[in-house]
Amino acid sequence: MVAKESTKVTSREEMKNGKKAKETKQVQEGTTRTKQKEKVRLRIRLLPIWIRVLLVLIFMVVSTLVGIIVGYGIIGNGKPADALDKSTWQHIIDLVEKE
């Protein structure tokens, strides 16, 4: 069993260069393996995970605001700009909490 190297690859070019250097080293040592065993894929992400999470949160906020505006302004026959007013939300809270 061959241990995997845990080096961090920062670009595709570095990965290709590292792979070529590894292959030439194996040829020099005489320890070349078949292509089936050599196929180890490294995934290089174009967007880091933290950016993906941030984008999902931003899209959730934007879609919620659009849903509020469409629901209040178009479906509810009100003015779409009034959906984001504080007085509108205070009125809705007063209706819900009415005892």
C-alpha atoms as a PDB file:
ATOM      1  CA  MET A   1       0.000   0.000   0.000  1.00  0.00           C
ATOM      2  CA  VAL A   2       1.318   3.427  -0.929  1.00  0.00           C
ATOM      3  CA  ALA A   3       0.775   6.366   1.407  1.00  0.00           C
ATOM      4  CA  LYS A   4      -0.847   9.445  -0.130  1.00  0.00           C
ATOM      5  CA  GLU A   5       1.016  12.693   0.036  1.00  0.00           C
ATOM      6  CA  SER A   6      -0.850  15.330   2.025  1.00  0.00           C
ATOM      7  CA  THR A   7       0.500  18.390   0.258  1.00  0.00           C
ATOM      8  CA  LYS A   8      -1.890  21.213  -0.465  1.00  0.00           C
ATOM      9  CA  VAL A   9      -2.183  22.051  -4.167  1.00  0.00           C
ATOM     10  CA  THR A  10      -2.993  25.668  -4.891  1.00  0.00           C
ATOM     11  CA  SER A  11      -3.338  25.624  -8.644  1.00  0.00           C
ATOM     12  CA  ARG A  12      -3.870  23.219 -11.502  1.00  0.00           C
ATOM     13  CA  GLU A  13      -0.460  24.019 -12.943  1.00  0.00           C
ATOM     14  CA  GLU A  14       1.262  23.075  -9.684  1.00  0.00           C
ATOM     15  CA  MET A  15      -0.698  19.828  -9.581  1.00  0.00           C
ATOM     16  CA  LYS A  16       0.358  18.977 -13.130  1.00  0.00           C
ATOM     17  CA  ASN A  17       3.972  19.894 -12.433  1.00  0.00           C
ATOM     18  CA  GLY A  18       3.964  17.823  -9.253  1.00  0.00           C
ATOM     19  CA  LYS A  19       2.492  14.853 -11.070  1.00  0.00           C
ATOM     20  CA  LYS A  20       5.105  15.091 -13.832  1.00  0.00           C
ATOM     21  CA  ALA A  21       7.910  15.327 -11.266  1.00  0.00           C
ATOM     22  CA  LYS A  22       6.511  12.310  -9.433  1.00  0.00           C
ATOM     23  CA  GLU A  23       6.318  10.300 -12.659  1.00  0.00           C
ATOM     24  CA  THR A  24       9.906  11.161 -13.628  1.00  0.00           C
ATOM     25  CA  LYS A  25      11.087  10.234 -10.140  1.00  0.00           C
ATOM     26  CA  GLN A  26       9.321   6.879 -10.394  1.00  0.00           C
ATOM     27  CA  VAL A  27      10.821   6.225 -13.822  1.00  0.00           C
ATOM     28  CA  GLN A  28      14.288   6.989 -12.482  1.00  0.00           C
ATOM     29  CA  GLU A  29      13.741   4.686  -9.514  1.00  0.00           C
ATOM     30  CA  GLY A  30      12.144   2.015 -11.675  1.00  0.00           C
ATOM     31  CA  THR A  31       8.958   1.882  -9.589  1.00  0.00           C
ATOM     32  CA  THR A  32       6.351   2.828 -12.179  1.00  0.00           C
ATOM     33  CA  ARG A  33       2.856   1.571 -11.575  1.00  0.00           C
ATOM     34  CA  THR A  34       0.045   0.852 -13.973  1.00  0.00           C
ATOM     35  CA  LYS A  35      -2.336   3.651 -14.902  1.00  0.00           C
ATOM     36  CA  GLN A  36      -5.229   1.957 -13.089  1.00  0.00           C
ATOM     37  CA  LYS A  37      -3.465   2.189  -9.746  1.00  0.00           C
ATOM     38  CA  GLU A  38      -2.174   5.695 -10.506  1.00  0.00           C
ATOM     39  CA  LYS A  39      -5.618   7.261 -10.947  1.00  0.00           C
ATOM     40  CA  VAL A  40      -5.962   9.382  -7.827  1.00  0.00           C
ATOM     41  CA  ARG A  41      -8.097  12.426  -8.463  1.00  0.00           C
ATOM     42  CA  LEU A  42      -7.607  15.600  -6.542  1.00  0.00           C
ATOM     43  CA  ARG A  43     -10.499  18.027  -6.575  1.00  0.00           C
ATOM     44  CA  ILE A  44      -9.511  21.639  -6.910  1.00  0.00           C
ATOM     45  CA  ARG A  45     -12.386  23.837  -5.822  1.00  0.00           C
ATOM     46  CA  LEU A  46     -12.912  27.074  -7.695  1.00  0.00           C
ATOM     47  CA  LEU A  47     -14.818  28.521  -4.737  1.00  0.00           C
ATOM     48  CA  PRO A  48     -13.800  27.668  -1.176  1.00  0.00           C
ATOM     49  CA  ILE A  49     -16.446  26.159   1.080  1.00  0.00           C
ATOM     50  CA  TRP A  50     -16.785  29.273   3.246  1.00  0.00           C
ATOM     51  CA  ILE A  51     -17.641  31.350   0.164  1.00  0.00           C
ATOM     52  CA  ARG A  52     -20.250  28.767  -0.848  1.00  0.00           C
ATOM     53  CA  VAL A  53     -21.849  28.934   2.606  1.00  0.00           C
ATOM     54  CA  LEU A  54     -21.834  32.733   2.494  1.00  0.00           C
ATOM     55  CA  LEU A  55     -23.438  32.729  -0.973  1.00  0.00           C
ATOM     56  CA  VAL A  56     -26.165  30.338   0.190  1.00  0.00           C
ATOM     57  CA  LEU A  57     -26.951  32.589   3.162  1.00  0.00           C
ATOM     58  CA  ILE A  58     -27.057  35.683   0.936  1.00  0.00           C
ATOM     59  CA  PHE A  59     -29.358  33.936  -1.567  1.00  0.00           C
ATOM     60  CA  MET A  60     -31.644  32.855   1.292  1.00  0.00           C
ATOM     61  CA  VAL A  61     -31.960  36.431   2.583  1.00  0.00           C
ATOM     62  CA  VAL A  62     -32.566  37.837  -0.901  1.00  0.00           C
ATOM     63  CA  SER A  63     -35.175  35.188  -1.733  1.00  0.00           C
ATOM     64  CA  THR A  64     -36.945  35.819   1.587  1.00  0.00           C
ATOM     65  CA  LEU A  65     -37.109  39.562   0.882  1.00  0.00           C
ATOM     66  CA  VAL A  66     -38.371  38.960  -2.655  1.00  0.00           C
ATOM     67  CA  GLY A  67     -41.000  36.555  -1.292  1.00  0.00           C
ATOM     68  CA  ILE A  68     -42.174  39.124   1.272  1.00  0.00           C
ATOM     69  CA  ILE A  69     -42.424  41.834  -1.378  1.00  0.00           C
ATOM     70  CA  VAL A  70     -44.264  39.607  -3.856  1.00  0.00           C
ATOM     71  CA  GLY A  71     -46.595  38.215  -1.193  1.00  0.00           C
ATOM     72  CA  TYR A  72     -47.510  41.577   0.281  1.00  0.00           C
ATOM     73  CA  GLY A  73     -47.431  43.693  -2.842  1.00  0.00           C
ATOM     74  CA  ILE A  74     -48.767  41.452  -5.615  1.00  0.00           C
ATOM     75  CA  ILE A  75     -50.754  38.701  -3.928  1.00  0.00           C
ATOM     76  CA  GLY A  76     -51.946  40.869  -1.036  1.00  0.00           C
ATOM     77  CA  ASN A  77     -52.878  43.859  -3.236  1.00  0.00           C
ATOM     78  CA  GLY A  78     -50.693  46.276  -1.261  1.00  0.00           C
ATOM     79  CA  LYS A  79     -47.818  48.476  -2.280  1.00  0.00           C
ATOM     80  CA  PRO A  80     -44.648  46.355  -2.650  1.00  0.00           C
ATOM     81  CA  ALA A  81     -42.522  49.086  -1.015  1.00  0.00           C
ATOM     82  CA  ASP A  82     -44.737  48.965   2.097  1.00  0.00           C
ATOM     83  CA  ALA A  83     -43.736  45.349   2.750  1.00  0.00           C
ATOM     84  CA  LEU A  84     -40.423  46.461   4.232  1.00  0.00           C
ATOM     85  CA  ASP A  85     -41.757  49.295   6.399  1.00  0.00           C
ATOM     86  CA  LYS A  86     -41.470  48.934  10.161  1.00  0.00           C
ATOM     87  CA  SER A  87     -45.035  50.132  10.687  1.00  0.00           C
ATOM     88  CA  THR A  88     -46.405  47.321   8.505  1.00  0.00           C
ATOM     89  CA  TRP A  89     -44.589  44.683  10.552  1.00  0.00           C
ATOM     90  CA  GLN A  90     -45.660  46.319  13.823  1.00  0.00           C
ATOM     91  CA  HIS A  91     -49.277  46.124  12.629  1.00  0.00           C
ATOM     92  CA  ILE A  92     -48.851  42.431  11.737  1.00  0.00           C
ATOM     93  CA  ILE A  93     -47.298  41.695  15.153  1.00  0.00           C
ATOM     94  CA  ASP A  94     -50.156  43.549  16.892  1.00  0.00           C
ATOM     95  CA  LEU A  95     -52.718  41.456  14.983  1.00  0.00           C
ATOM     96  CA  VAL A  96     -50.967  38.193  15.938  1.00  0.00           C
ATOM     97  CA  GLU A  97     -50.523  39.093  19.613  1.00  0.00           C
ATOM     98  CA  LYS A  98     -54.063  40.462  20.050  1.00  0.00           C
ATOM     99  CA  GLU A  99     -55.656  38.951  23.171  1.00  0.00           C
END
